[in-house]
């Protein structure tokens, strides 16, 4: 009988507790969840936006400059592209990665449709663990300390850099394979991602500020655009690769993959900025002017 009474009391207490919980839930203020906000716009090229590859591989805004091109004042650094118009037609692509976004923008004719998720200045999507590690390291060094924590940070960053370098090399090999197989669109997307994976503050043994793979990738991008008939984008990429140190000018003049670019009237002036002209047209004109003047006399 005593056990039965105890069970009854316990059951009554549980029921009372449940009623109190339900009462508290019904009177408490409901949790308000923040809804995500998006900006949708159609903008003609050139765009006044610059993008960078985020930690998740996506395309994030890093600069909104109306002086550089068309844009929307609502867009802030840290905002993320979630949809993009396809290269051609009315289709819209879900954003998959940075390279795809860059490919879509550069090959698009006419206006570019963008759906952008607003992050209101939150740049965490572009920051990695090394940023916090670097701040910790500098703080310790500024205080005259070099402890086990600093050593651990350096070792961890070294391993992370090596792993990123390995992944980048694998992606480059995949892109090159796609290029050789004629899958130029897929190769371009990979090449754009490779550019975005360039390590920050790089200084090579020859004091170059870009990695060798960056130069070759820019060159390959120029080849892809040339073969796709995208002459302006091809010339822009070709100039970028020479600007960052690619100096095999003989290859540029003979590579069959760049044939379409060489037919452009803009090709030779672009080359002359970085390499001595094969023919000094100024001297040729001066010579003709001299002989013509003598004939007239």
Protein backbone atom coordinates (compact mmCIF):
# COMPACT_ATOMS: atom_id res chain seq x y z
CA UNK A 1 0.00 0.00 0.00
CA UNK A 2 2.88 2.30 0.87
CA UNK A 3 4.49 1.70 -2.55
CA UNK A 4 1.19 2.37 -4.30
CA UNK A 5 0.84 5.65 -2.42
CA UNK A 6 4.35 6.71 -3.34
CA UNK A 7 3.69 5.95 -7.02
CA UNK A 8 0.52 8.05 -6.86
CA UNK A 9 2.36 10.97 -5.27
CA UNK A 10 5.18 10.73 -7.83
CA UNK A 11 2.71 10.62 -10.71
CA UNK A 12 0.95 13.69 -9.31
CA UNK A 13 4.24 15.57 -9.07
CA UNK A 14 5.15 14.67 -12.65
CA UNK A 15 1.74 15.82 -13.89
CA UNK A 16 2.12 19.09 -11.98
CA UNK A 17 5.58 19.68 -13.44
CA UNK A 18 4.29 19.01 -16.94
CA UNK A 19 1.43 21.50 -16.46
CA UNK A 20 3.87 24.14 -15.22
CA UNK A 21 6.14 23.55 -18.23
CA UNK A 22 3.24 23.86 -20.66
CA UNK A 23 2.04 27.01 -18.91
CA UNK A 24 5.51 28.56 -19.08
CA UNK A 25 5.82 27.65 -22.75
CA UNK A 26 2.47 29.21 -23.58
CA UNK A 27 3.26 32.48 -21.77
CA UNK A 28 6.89 32.83 -22.80
CA UNK A 29 7.90 35.08 -25.68
CA UNK A 30 8.34 33.04 -28.89
CA UNK A 31 11.84 32.92 -30.32
CA UNK A 32 12.23 35.20 -33.34
CA UNK A 33 14.37 33.72 -36.09
CA UNK A 34 16.08 36.14 -38.41
CA UNK A 35 15.08 35.64 -42.01
CA UNK A 36 17.77 35.67 -44.65
CA UNK A 37 17.68 38.62 -47.02
CA UNK A 38 18.57 38.59 -50.70
CA UNK A 39 19.21 41.15 -53.41
CA UNK A 40 18.21 40.31 -56.98
CA UNK A 41 19.44 42.47 -59.81
CA UNK A 42 20.18 42.56 -63.53
CA UNK A 43 23.27 44.61 -64.26
CA UNK A 44 25.07 45.26 -67.56
CA UNK A 45 28.79 44.57 -67.79
CA UNK A 46 31.26 45.73 -66.66
CA UNK A 47 30.38 45.07 -63.06
CA UNK A 48 31.57 47.30 -60.26
CA UNK A 49 31.93 44.29 -57.98
CA UNK A 50 35.00 42.29 -57.06
CA UNK A 51 34.77 38.77 -55.69
CA UNK A 52 36.96 36.38 -53.73
CA UNK A 53 36.77 32.70 -52.94
CA UNK A 54 35.37 31.98 -49.48
CA UNK A 55 36.11 29.17 -47.05
CA UNK A 56 33.23 27.16 -48.52
CA UNK A 57 34.49 27.67 -52.09
CA UNK A 58 31.75 30.18 -52.91
CA UNK A 59 32.01 33.68 -54.38
CA UNK A 60 31.88 36.54 -51.88
CA UNK A 61 31.88 40.27 -52.57
CA UNK A 62 35.05 41.99 -51.42
CA UNK A 63 34.56 45.38 -53.08
CA UNK A 64 31.65 47.44 -54.41
CA UNK A 65 33.00 50.27 -56.56
CA UNK A 66 30.52 52.24 -58.69
CA UNK A 67 33.45 53.93 -60.44
CA UNK A 68 34.63 50.55 -61.78
CA UNK A 69 31.29 49.52 -63.30
CA UNK A 70 27.61 48.87 -62.75
CA UNK A 71 26.46 47.77 -59.32
CA UNK A 72 23.89 48.24 -56.56
CA UNK A 73 24.58 50.37 -53.45
CA UNK A 74 22.86 47.82 -51.19
CA UNK A 75 25.59 45.23 -51.80
CA UNK A 76 28.29 45.08 -49.12
CA UNK A 77 31.60 43.24 -48.76
CA UNK A 78 30.88 39.81 -47.28
CA UNK A 79 27.68 39.26 -49.28
CA UNK A 80 27.55 35.94 -51.14
CA UNK A 81 26.41 35.09 -54.68
CA UNK A 82 23.81 32.29 -54.57
CA UNK A 83 22.48 32.41 -58.15
CA UNK A 84 23.93 33.62 -61.45
CA UNK A 85 22.65 33.89 -65.01
CA UNK A 86 24.00 31.27 -67.40
CA UNK A 87 26.53 32.22 -70.06
CA UNK A 88 23.79 32.25 -72.69
CA UNK A 89 20.01 32.46 -72.69
CA UNK A 90 17.58 32.93 -69.85
CA UNK A 91 18.71 30.06 -67.62
CA UNK A 92 19.81 30.75 -64.05
CA UNK A 93 22.46 28.60 -62.38
CA UNK A 94 22.60 27.88 -58.65
CA UNK A 95 25.99 29.07 -57.42
CA UNK A 96 28.24 26.04 -57.00
CA UNK A 97 31.70 27.54 -56.56
CA UNK A 98 33.82 30.60 -57.21
CA UNK A 99 35.13 29.38 -60.56
CA UNK A 100 31.65 28.80 -61.93
CA UNK A 101 30.57 32.31 -60.94
CA UNK A 102 33.60 33.91 -62.60
CA UNK A 103 33.12 31.83 -65.75
CA UNK A 104 29.44 32.80 -65.95
CA UNK A 105 30.17 36.51 -65.54
CA UNK A 106 33.06 36.61 -68.00
CA UNK A 107 31.28 34.65 -70.76
CA UNK A 108 27.90 36.31 -70.34
CA UNK A 109 26.66 38.53 -73.18
CA UNK A 110 24.40 41.37 -72.11
CA UNK A 111 23.13 41.90 -68.59
CA UNK A 112 24.14 39.66 -65.69
CA UNK A 113 21.52 38.39 -63.26
CA UNK A 114 22.73 38.03 -59.68
CA UNK A 115 20.98 36.80 -56.58
CA UNK A 116 23.05 37.81 -53.59
CA UNK A 117 22.62 36.79 -49.97
CA UNK A 118 23.13 39.75 -47.68
CA UNK A 119 25.56 39.26 -44.80
CA UNK A 120 25.57 42.91 -43.73
CA UNK A 121 29.33 43.33 -43.61
CA UNK A 122 30.05 39.98 -41.96
CA UNK A 123 33.38 38.86 -43.50
CA UNK A 124 33.69 35.58 -41.61
CA UNK A 125 32.98 33.61 -44.78
CA UNK A 126 36.29 34.86 -46.16
CA UNK A 127 38.39 34.30 -43.05
CA UNK A 128 40.16 31.07 -42.24
CA UNK A 129 41.75 29.70 -39.10
CA UNK A 130 45.12 31.10 -40.07
CA UNK A 131 43.80 34.65 -39.65
CA UNK A 132 43.11 34.11 -35.95
CA UNK A 133 46.34 32.12 -35.58
CA UNK A 134 48.32 34.96 -37.12
CA UNK A 135 46.80 37.48 -34.74
CA UNK A 136 47.59 35.26 -31.76
CA UNK A 137 51.15 34.78 -32.99
CA UNK A 138 51.71 38.53 -33.46
CA UNK A 139 50.24 39.26 -30.04
CA UNK A 140 52.64 36.81 -28.40
CA UNK A 141 55.64 38.15 -30.28
CA UNK A 142 54.70 41.74 -29.46
CA UNK A 143 54.77 40.76 -25.80
CA UNK A 144 58.21 39.20 -26.20
CA UNK A 145 56.87 35.66 -25.85
CA UNK A 146 57.49 32.57 -27.92
CA UNK A 147 55.74 29.75 -26.17
CA UNK A 148 54.42 26.31 -27.02
CA UNK A 149 51.23 27.92 -28.28
CA UNK A 150 53.10 29.90 -30.93
CA UNK A 151 55.04 26.84 -32.02
CA UNK A 152 51.84 24.82 -32.32
CA UNK A 153 50.22 27.55 -34.41
CA UNK A 154 53.19 27.66 -36.78
CA UNK A 155 53.19 23.87 -37.20
CA UNK A 156 49.45 23.78 -37.81
CA UNK A 157 49.64 26.58 -40.39
CA UNK A 158 52.51 24.82 -42.17
CA UNK A 159 50.51 21.59 -42.46
CA UNK A 160 47.45 23.51 -43.67
CA UNK A 161 49.47 25.33 -46.36
CA UNK A 162 50.96 22.07 -47.63
CA UNK A 163 47.53 20.46 -47.80
CA UNK A 164 46.10 23.46 -49.68
CA UNK A 165 49.05 23.31 -52.08
CA UNK A 166 48.43 19.61 -52.73
CA UNK A 167 44.71 20.14 -53.40
CA UNK A 168 45.48 23.03 -55.72
CA UNK A 169 47.94 20.92 -57.70
CA UNK A 170 45.40 18.12 -58.04
CA UNK A 171 42.78 20.59 -59.26
CA UNK A 172 45.27 21.98 -61.79
CA UNK A 173 45.98 18.50 -63.13
CA UNK A 174 42.23 17.82 -63.44
CA UNK A 175 41.69 21.12 -65.26
CA UNK A 176 44.54 20.41 -67.66
CA UNK A 177 43.09 17.00 -68.41
CA UNK A 178 39.68 18.54 -69.17
CA UNK A 179 41.36 21.13 -71.40
CA UNK A 180 43.15 18.44 -73.42
CA UNK A 181 39.88 16.54 -73.80
CA UNK A 182 38.18 19.64 -75.19
CA UNK A 183 35.92 20.26 -72.17
CA UNK A 184 36.83 23.93 -72.13
CA UNK A 185 33.94 25.17 -69.98
CA UNK A 186 34.71 22.75 -67.14
CA UNK A 187 38.43 23.47 -67.46
CA UNK A 188 37.78 27.22 -67.20
CA UNK A 189 35.77 26.80 -64.01
CA UNK A 190 38.61 24.81 -62.45
CA UNK A 191 41.24 27.27 -63.64
CA UNK A 192 39.31 30.18 -62.10
CA UNK A 193 39.17 28.31 -58.79
CA UNK A 194 42.93 27.70 -58.98
CA UNK A 195 43.56 31.44 -59.36
CA UNK A 196 41.38 32.12 -56.32
CA UNK A 197 43.39 29.61 -54.27
CA UNK A 198 46.59 31.66 -54.68
CA UNK A 199 48.27 31.90 -51.24
CA UNK A 200 48.33 35.33 -49.68
CA UNK A 201 51.58 37.24 -49.22
CA UNK A 202 53.51 34.76 -51.38
CA UNK A 203 57.15 35.56 -52.17
CA UNK A 204 59.11 33.11 -54.32
CA UNK A 205 62.82 32.35 -54.37
CA UNK A 206 63.17 34.84 -57.24
CA UNK A 207 61.09 37.39 -55.28
CA UNK A 208 58.07 36.78 -57.53
CA UNK A 209 54.82 37.75 -55.84
CA UNK A 210 52.81 35.04 -57.61
CA UNK A 211 53.29 31.28 -57.76
CA UNK A 212 54.42 29.58 -61.01
CA UNK A 213 51.09 27.76 -61.18
CA UNK A 214 49.29 31.13 -61.14
CA UNK A 215 51.13 32.34 -64.26
CA UNK A 216 50.51 29.11 -66.17
CA UNK A 217 46.87 29.08 -65.14
CA UNK A 218 46.35 32.62 -66.44
CA UNK A 219 47.92 31.53 -69.72
CA UNK A 220 45.65 28.48 -69.94
CA UNK A 221 42.61 30.64 -69.27
CA UNK A 222 43.63 32.85 -72.20
CA UNK A 223 43.86 29.74 -74.38
CA UNK A 224 40.40 28.58 -73.31
CA UNK A 225 38.76 31.90 -74.09
CA UNK A 226 40.57 32.09 -77.42
CA UNK A 227 39.29 28.65 -78.42
CA UNK A 228 35.76 29.62 -77.32
CA UNK A 229 35.87 32.77 -79.44
CA UNK A 230 35.73 35.06 -76.40
CA UNK A 231 38.39 37.42 -77.74
CA UNK A 232 38.16 40.29 -75.26
CA UNK A 233 38.25 37.97 -72.24
CA UNK A 234 41.09 36.02 -73.84
CA UNK A 235 43.16 39.17 -74.37
CA UNK A 236 42.41 40.31 -70.84
CA UNK A 237 43.67 37.00 -69.44
CA UNK A 238 46.70 37.05 -71.74
CA UNK A 239 47.67 40.49 -70.51
CA UNK A 240 47.15 39.36 -66.90
CA UNK A 241 49.51 36.44 -67.37
CA UNK A 242 52.23 38.68 -68.87
CA UNK A 243 51.67 41.28 -66.18
CA UNK A 244 52.38 38.69 -63.47
CA UNK A 245 55.60 37.53 -65.13
CA UNK A 246 54.86 35.06 -67.94
CA UNK A 247 57.51 35.95 -70.53
CA UNK A 248 57.54 33.15 -73.09
CA UNK A 249 56.54 35.54 -75.86
CA UNK A 250 57.63 33.20 -78.61
CA UNK A 251 55.15 30.61 -77.37
CA UNK A 252 52.38 33.20 -77.27
CA UNK A 253 53.09 34.09 -80.91
CA UNK A 254 53.08 30.46 -82.07
CA UNK A 255 50.60 28.62 -79.84
CA UNK A 256 47.74 27.35 -82.03
CA UNK A 257 45.37 27.68 -79.07
CA UNK A 258 45.86 31.47 -79.19
CA UNK A 259 45.31 31.77 -82.95
CA UNK A 260 41.98 33.57 -82.57
CA UNK A 261 43.57 36.19 -80.29
CA UNK A 262 46.39 36.85 -82.74
CA UNK A 263 43.82 37.75 -85.41
CA UNK A 264 42.51 40.57 -83.23
CA UNK A 265 43.83 44.09 -83.96
CA UNK A 266 44.30 44.46 -80.20
CA UNK A 267 46.77 41.56 -80.00
CA UNK A 268 49.92 43.30 -81.23
CA UNK A 269 49.47 46.46 -79.12
CA UNK A 270 48.98 44.19 -76.09
CA UNK A 271 52.17 42.27 -76.87
CA UNK A 272 54.15 45.47 -77.45
CA UNK A 273 53.49 46.53 -73.86
CA UNK A 274 55.56 43.63 -72.55
CA UNK A 275 57.85 42.49 -75.40
CA UNK A 276 59.91 44.37 -77.95
CA UNK A 277 57.97 44.58 -81.21
CA UNK A 278 59.03 42.07 -83.84
CA UNK A 279 58.91 44.93 -86.33
CA UNK A 280 59.69 48.47 -85.29
CA UNK A 281 56.84 50.16 -87.11
CA UNK A 282 58.00 53.58 -86.00
CA UNK A 283 61.34 53.07 -87.75
CA UNK A 284 59.61 51.70 -90.87
CA UNK A 285 57.32 54.73 -91.11
CA UNK A 286 60.23 57.09 -90.57
CA UNK A 287 62.18 55.39 -93.39
CA UNK A 288 59.26 55.62 -95.80
CA UNK A 289 58.73 59.27 -94.91
CA UNK A 290 62.41 59.97 -95.58
CA UNK A 291 62.36 58.36 -99.05
CA UNK A 292 59.05 59.97 -99.97
CA UNK A 293 60.41 63.38 -99.01
CA UNK A 294 63.51 62.80 -101.15
CA UNK A 295 61.34 61.87 -104.14
CA UNK A 296 59.33 65.02 -103.79
CA UNK A 297 62.51 67.08 -103.74
